[in-house]
């Protein structure tokens, strides 16, 4: 799928998708005919599952000095 479709699925802007792809956060492929960025739905699902994981909560120390 193209950038606009990927952005809609991820709920972010087109620029964010382009940045994440350039940074290697989302696998990207290029159409050899026109150079468009292309994304696989499965890669986007994996990315969403990775970023949706709850992060451990740091416990506050009972005695704060």
PDB file of N, CA and C in Angstrom:
ATOM      1  N   UNK A   1       0.840  -1.172   0.000  1.00  0.00           N
ATOM      2  CA  UNK A   1       0.000   0.000   0.000  1.00  0.00           C
ATOM      3  C   UNK A   1       0.892   1.244   0.000  1.00  0.00           C
ATOM      4  N   UNK A   2       0.315   2.342  -0.421  1.00  0.00           N
ATOM      5  CA  UNK A   2       1.055   3.605  -0.504  1.00  0.00           C
ATOM      6  C   UNK A   2       1.066   4.312   0.852  1.00  0.00           C
ATOM      7  N   UNK A   3       1.809   5.402   0.922  1.00  0.00           N
ATOM      8  CA  UNK A   3       1.996   6.154   2.163  1.00  0.00           C
ATOM      9  C   UNK A   3       0.662   6.588   2.770  1.00  0.00           C
ATOM     10  N   UNK A   4      -0.249   7.107   1.965  1.00  0.00           N
ATOM     11  CA  UNK A   4      -1.519   7.614   2.490  1.00  0.00           C
ATOM     12  C   UNK A   4      -2.319   6.504   3.172  1.00  0.00           C
ATOM     13  N   UNK A   5      -2.335   5.325   2.568  1.00  0.00           N
ATOM     14  CA  UNK A   5      -3.062   4.199   3.166  1.00  0.00           C
ATOM     15  C   UNK A   5      -2.400   3.755   4.466  1.00  0.00           C
ATOM     16  N   UNK A   6      -1.071   3.715   4.467  1.00  0.00           N
ATOM     17  CA  UNK A   6      -0.337   3.327   5.665  1.00  0.00           C
ATOM     18  C   UNK A   6      -0.585   4.333   6.787  1.00  0.00           C
ATOM     19  N   UNK A   7      -0.591   5.618   6.453  1.00  0.00           N
ATOM     20  CA  UNK A   7      -0.831   6.664   7.449  1.00  0.00           C
ATOM     21  C   UNK A   7      -2.216   6.520   8.063  1.00  0.00           C
ATOM     22  N   UNK A   8      -3.198   6.185   7.249  1.00  0.00           N
ATOM     23  CA  UNK A   8      -4.551   6.014   7.757  1.00  0.00           C
ATOM     24  C   UNK A   8      -4.631   4.825   8.715  1.00  0.00           C
ATOM     25  N   UNK A   9      -4.005   3.731   8.356  1.00  0.00           N
ATOM     26  CA  UNK A   9      -4.009   2.540   9.217  1.00  0.00           C
ATOM     27  C   UNK A   9      -3.305   2.820  10.537  1.00  0.00           C
ATOM     28  N   UNK A  10      -2.177   3.535  10.476  1.00  0.00           N
ATOM     29  CA  UNK A  10      -1.392   3.814  11.682  1.00  0.00           C
ATOM     30  C   UNK A  10      -1.940   4.991  12.487  1.00  0.00           C
ATOM     31  N   UNK A  11      -2.795   5.800  11.872  1.00  0.00           N
ATOM     32  CA  UNK A  11      -3.364   6.949  12.565  1.00  0.00           C
ATOM     33  C   UNK A  11      -2.384   8.094  12.750  1.00  0.00           C
ATOM     34  N   UNK A  12      -1.486   8.264  11.778  1.00  0.00           N
ATOM     35  CA  UNK A  12      -0.498   9.338  11.837  1.00  0.00           C
ATOM     36  C   UNK A  12      -0.471  10.065  10.491  1.00  0.00           C
ATOM     37  N   UNK A  13       0.328  11.122  10.421  1.00  0.00           N
ATOM     38  CA  UNK A  13       0.419  11.893   9.179  1.00  0.00           C
ATOM     39  C   UNK A  13       1.294  11.177   8.150  1.00  0.00           C
ATOM     40  N   UNK A  14       1.178  11.611   6.908  1.00  0.00           N
ATOM     41  CA  UNK A  14       2.004  11.061   5.839  1.00  0.00           C
ATOM     42  C   UNK A  14       3.487  11.286   6.135  1.00  0.00           C
ATOM     43  N   UNK A  15       3.796  12.475   6.647  1.00  0.00           N
ATOM     44  CA  UNK A  15       5.188  12.791   6.978  1.00  0.00           C
ATOM     45  C   UNK A  15       5.761  11.873   8.040  1.00  0.00           C
ATOM     46  N   UNK A  16       4.923  11.517   9.021  1.00  0.00           N
ATOM     47  CA  UNK A  16       5.380  10.611  10.080  1.00  0.00           C
ATOM     48  C   UNK A  16       5.688   9.239   9.505  1.00  0.00           C
ATOM     49  N   UNK A  17       4.841   8.754   8.613  1.00  0.00           N
ATOM     50  CA  UNK A  17       5.096   7.456   7.979  1.00  0.00           C
ATOM     51  C   UNK A  17       6.400   7.506   7.200  1.00  0.00           C
ATOM     52  N   UNK A  18       6.606   8.587   6.456  1.00  0.00           N
ATOM     53  CA  UNK A  18       7.855   8.725   5.679  1.00  0.00           C
ATOM     54  C   UNK A  18       9.075   8.744   6.603  1.00  0.00           C
ATOM     55  N   UNK A  19       8.964   9.461   7.711  1.00  0.00           N
ATOM     56  CA  UNK A  19      10.082   9.549   8.666  1.00  0.00           C
ATOM     57  C   UNK A  19      10.367   8.192   9.286  1.00  0.00           C
ATOM     58  N   UNK A  20       9.304   7.510   9.751  1.00  0.00           N
ATOM     59  CA  UNK A  20       9.491   6.186  10.360  1.00  0.00           C
ATOM     60  C   UNK A  20      10.109   5.212   9.365  1.00  0.00           C
ATOM     61  N   UNK A  21       9.705   5.285   8.102  1.00  0.00           N
ATOM     62  CA  UNK A  21      10.271   4.407   7.073  1.00  0.00           C
ATOM     63  C   UNK A  21      11.744   4.738   6.845  1.00  0.00           C
ATOM     64  N   UNK A  22      12.071   6.028   6.774  1.00  0.00           N
ATOM     65  CA  UNK A  22      13.460   6.448   6.566  1.00  0.00           C
ATOM     66  C   UNK A  22      14.344   6.043   7.739  1.00  0.00           C
ATOM     67  N   UNK A  23      13.770   6.049   8.944  1.00  0.00           N
ATOM     68  CA  UNK A  23      14.522   5.666  10.146  1.00  0.00           C
ATOM     69  C   UNK A  23      14.591   4.150  10.335  1.00  0.00           C
ATOM     70  N   UNK A  24      13.898   3.394   9.466  1.00  0.00           N
ATOM     71  CA  UNK A  24      13.919   1.944   9.550  1.00  0.00           C
ATOM     72  C   UNK A  24      12.954   1.361  10.572  1.00  0.00           C
ATOM     73  N   UNK A  25      12.067   2.185  11.099  1.00  0.00           N
ATOM     74  CA  UNK A  25      11.094   1.698  12.084  1.00  0.00           C
ATOM     75  C   UNK A  25      10.003   0.849  11.427  1.00  0.00           C
ATOM     76  N   UNK A  26       9.696   1.153  10.180  1.00  0.00           N
ATOM     77  CA  UNK A  26       8.714   0.398   9.408  1.00  0.00           C
ATOM     78  C   UNK A  26       9.401  -0.056   8.120  1.00  0.00           C
ATOM     79  N   UNK A  27       9.339  -1.353   7.806  1.00  0.00           N
ATOM     80  CA  UNK A  27       9.922  -1.804   6.533  1.00  0.00           C
ATOM     81  C   UNK A  27       9.218  -1.152   5.354  1.00  0.00           C
ATOM     82  N   UNK A  28      10.013  -0.738   4.383  1.00  0.00           N
ATOM     83  CA  UNK A  28       9.477  -0.047   3.218  1.00  0.00           C
ATOM     84  C   UNK A  28      10.077  -0.667   1.963  1.00  0.00           C
ATOM     85  N   UNK A  29       9.298  -0.685   0.919  1.00  0.00           N
ATOM     86  CA  UNK A  29       9.758  -1.159  -0.379  1.00  0.00           C
ATOM     87  C   UNK A  29       9.495  -0.039  -1.378  1.00  0.00           C
ATOM     88  N   UNK A  30      10.247  -0.018  -2.446  1.00  0.00           N
ATOM     89  CA  UNK A  30      10.045   0.994  -3.481  1.00  0.00           C
ATOM     90  C   UNK A  30       9.507   0.339  -4.744  1.00  0.00           C
ATOM     91  N   UNK A  31       8.547   0.998  -5.364  1.00  0.00           N
ATOM     92  CA  UNK A  31       8.048   0.549  -6.655  1.00  0.00           C
ATOM     93  C   UNK A  31       9.145   0.846  -7.673  1.00  0.00           C
ATOM     94  N   UNK A  32       9.659  -0.171  -8.367  1.00  0.00           N
ATOM     95  CA  UNK A  32      10.758   0.070  -9.304  1.00  0.00           C
ATOM     96  C   UNK A  32      10.380   0.974 -10.480  1.00  0.00           C
ATOM     97  N   UNK A  33       9.117   1.040 -10.818  1.00  0.00           N
ATOM     98  CA  UNK A  33       8.696   1.847 -11.965  1.00  0.00           C
ATOM     99  C   UNK A  33       8.633   3.334 -11.646  1.00  0.00           C
ATOM    100  N   UNK A  34       8.160   3.678 -10.427  1.00  0.00           N
ATOM    101  CA  UNK A  34       7.973   5.094 -10.129  1.00  0.00           C
ATOM    102  C   UNK A  34       8.632   5.551  -8.823  1.00  0.00           C
ATOM    103  N   UNK A  35       9.214   4.634  -8.071  1.00  0.00           N
ATOM    104  CA  UNK A  35       9.924   5.004  -6.846  1.00  0.00           C
ATOM    105  C   UNK A  35       9.041   5.259  -5.640  1.00  0.00           C
ATOM    106  N   UNK A  36       7.726   5.038  -5.775  1.00  0.00           N
ATOM    107  CA  UNK A  36       6.817   5.254  -4.643  1.00  0.00           C
ATOM    108  C   UNK A  36       7.180   4.334  -3.485  1.00  0.00           C
ATOM    109  N   UNK A  37       7.001   4.856  -2.274  1.00  0.00           N
ATOM    110  CA  UNK A  37       7.166   4.028  -1.085  1.00  0.00           C
ATOM    111  C   UNK A  37       5.963   3.102  -0.990  1.00  0.00           C
ATOM    112  N   UNK A  38       6.229   1.834  -0.695  1.00  0.00           N
ATOM    113  CA  UNK A  38       5.161   0.861  -0.539  1.00  0.00           C
ATOM    114  C   UNK A  38       5.344   0.111   0.772  1.00  0.00           C
ATOM    115  N   UNK A  39       4.228  -0.217   1.402  1.00  0.00           N
ATOM    116  CA  UNK A  39       4.244  -0.882   2.690  1.00  0.00           C
ATOM    117  C   UNK A  39       3.362  -2.113   2.644  1.00  0.00           C
ATOM    118  N   UNK A  40       3.780  -3.154   3.362  1.00  0.00           N
ATOM    119  CA  UNK A  40       2.974  -4.366   3.456  1.00  0.00           C
ATOM    120  C   UNK A  40       2.094  -4.260   4.698  1.00  0.00           C
ATOM    121  N   UNK A  41       0.845  -4.661   4.532  1.00  0.00           N
ATOM    122  CA  UNK A  41      -0.115  -4.603   5.642  1.00  0.00           C
ATOM    123  C   UNK A  41       0.415  -5.376   6.855  1.00  0.00           C
ATOM    124  N   UNK A  42       1.013  -6.524   6.624  1.00  0.00           N
ATOM    125  CA  UNK A  42       1.541  -7.356   7.718  1.00  0.00           C
ATOM    126  C   UNK A  42       2.635  -6.614   8.493  1.00  0.00           C
ATOM    127  N   UNK A  43       3.490  -5.867   7.793  1.00  0.00           N
ATOM    128  CA  UNK A  43       4.541  -5.083   8.463  1.00  0.00           C
ATOM    129  C   UNK A  43       3.927  -4.000   9.349  1.00  0.00           C
ATOM    130  N   UNK A  44       2.858  -3.381   8.875  1.00  0.00           N
ATOM    131  CA  UNK A  44       2.197  -2.346   9.669  1.00  0.00           C
ATOM    132  C   UNK A  44       1.542  -2.947  10.906  1.00  0.00           C
ATOM    133  N   UNK A  45       0.940  -4.123  10.757  1.00  0.00           N
ATOM    134  CA  UNK A  45       0.330  -4.803  11.910  1.00  0.00           C
ATOM    135  C   UNK A  45       1.383  -5.139  12.960  1.00  0.00           C
ATOM    136  N   UNK A  46       2.539  -5.624  12.509  1.00  0.00           N
ATOM    137  CA  UNK A  46       3.629  -5.952  13.441  1.00  0.00           C
ATOM    138  C   UNK A  46       4.119  -4.700  14.159  1.00  0.00           C
ATOM    139  N   UNK A  47       4.250  -3.608  13.423  1.00  0.00           N
ATOM    140  CA  UNK A  47       4.692  -2.349  14.020  1.00  0.00           C
ATOM    141  C   UNK A  47       3.700  -1.876  15.071  1.00  0.00           C
ATOM    142  N   UNK A  48       2.410  -1.930  14.750  1.00  0.00           N
ATOM    143  CA  UNK A  48       1.390  -1.513  15.714  1.00  0.00           C
ATOM    144  C   UNK A  48       1.415  -2.382  16.963  1.00  0.00           C
ATOM    145  N   UNK A  49       1.595  -3.678  16.798  1.00  0.00           N
ATOM    146  CA  UNK A  49       1.657  -4.576  17.948  1.00  0.00           C
ATOM    147  C   UNK A  49       2.874  -4.253  18.814  1.00  0.00           C
ATOM    148  N   UNK A  50       3.967  -3.897  18.184  1.00  0.00           N
ATOM    149  CA  UNK A  50       5.202  -3.580  18.918  1.00  0.00           C
ATOM    150  C   UNK A  50       5.045  -2.298  19.736  1.00  0.00           C
ATOM    151  N   UNK A  51       4.493  -1.263  19.131  1.00  0.00           N
ATOM    152  CA  UNK A  51       4.375   0.017  19.832  1.00  0.00           C
ATOM    153  C   UNK A  51       3.200   0.048  20.802  1.00  0.00           C
ATOM    154  N   UNK A  52       2.279  -0.899  20.673  1.00  0.00           N
ATOM    155  CA  UNK A  52       1.114  -0.929  21.556  1.00  0.00           C
ATOM    156  C   UNK A  52       1.371  -1.683  22.854  1.00  0.00           C
ATOM    157  N   UNK A  53       2.542  -2.303  22.977  1.00  0.00           N
ATOM    158  CA  UNK A  53       2.855  -3.038  24.198  1.00  0.00           C
ATOM    159  C   UNK A  53       2.908  -2.086  25.381  1.00  0.00           C
ATOM    160  N   UNK A  54       2.256  -2.460  26.470  1.00  0.00           N
ATOM    161  CA  UNK A  54       2.328  -1.594  27.652  1.00  0.00           C
ATOM    162  C   UNK A  54       3.744  -1.570  28.218  1.00  0.00           C
ATOM    163  N   UNK A  55       4.174  -0.413  28.615  1.00  0.00           N
ATOM    164  CA  UNK A  55       5.499  -0.244  29.186  1.00  0.00           C
ATOM    165  C   UNK A  55       5.429  -0.448  30.694  1.00  0.00           C
ATOM    166  N   UNK A  56       6.469  -1.060  31.280  1.00  0.00           N
ATOM    167  CA  UNK A  56       6.454  -1.243  32.730  1.00  0.00           C
ATOM    168  C   UNK A  56       6.447   0.106  33.452  1.00  0.00           C
ATOM    169  N   UNK A  57       5.713   0.162  34.540  1.00  0.00           N
ATOM    170  CA  UNK A  57       5.600   1.390  35.318  1.00  0.00           C
ATOM    171  C   UNK A  57       6.642   1.352  36.424  1.00  0.00           C
ATOM    172  N   UNK A  58       7.408   2.436  36.515  1.00  0.00           N
ATOM    173  CA  UNK A  58       8.403   2.525  37.577  1.00  0.00           C
ATOM    174  C   UNK A  58       7.698   2.840  38.883  1.00  0.00           C
ATOM    175  N   UNK A  59       8.072   2.115  39.920  1.00  0.00           N
ATOM    176  CA  UNK A  59       7.470   2.355  41.233  1.00  0.00           C
ATOM    177  C   UNK A  59       8.225   3.482  41.910  1.00  0.00           C
ATOM    178  N   UNK A  60       7.483   4.366  42.501  1.00  0.00           N
ATOM    179  CA  UNK A  60       8.095   5.464  43.241  1.00  0.00           C
ATOM    180  C   UNK A  60       8.593   4.954  44.593  1.00  0.00           C
ATOM    181  N   UNK A  61       9.717   5.448  44.987  1.00  0.00           N
ATOM    182  CA  UNK A  61      10.267   5.084  46.285  1.00  0.00           C
ATOM    183  C   UNK A  61       9.384   5.706  47.386  1.00  0.00           C
ATOM    184  N   UNK A  62       9.083   4.923  48.435  1.00  0.00           N
ATOM    185  CA  UNK A  62       8.216   5.404  49.499  1.00  0.00           C
ATOM    186  C   UNK A  62       8.809   6.628  50.212  1.00  0.00           C
ATOM    187  N   UNK A  63      10.130   6.634  50.350  1.00  0.00           N
ATOM    188  CA  UNK A  63      10.749   7.764  51.069  1.00  0.00           C
ATOM    189  C   UNK A  63      11.491   8.633  50.064  1.00  0.00           C
ATOM    190  N   UNK A  64      10.958   9.800  49.853  1.00  0.00           N
ATOM    191  CA  UNK A  64      11.595  10.760  48.931  1.00  0.00           C
ATOM    192  C   UNK A  64      12.293  11.810  49.781  1.00  0.00           C
ATOM    193  N   UNK A  65      13.568  12.004  49.492  1.00  0.00           N
ATOM    194  CA  UNK A  65      14.346  12.969  50.276  1.00  0.00           C
ATOM    195  C   UNK A  65      14.416  14.299  49.613  1.00  0.00           C
TER     196      UNK A  65
END
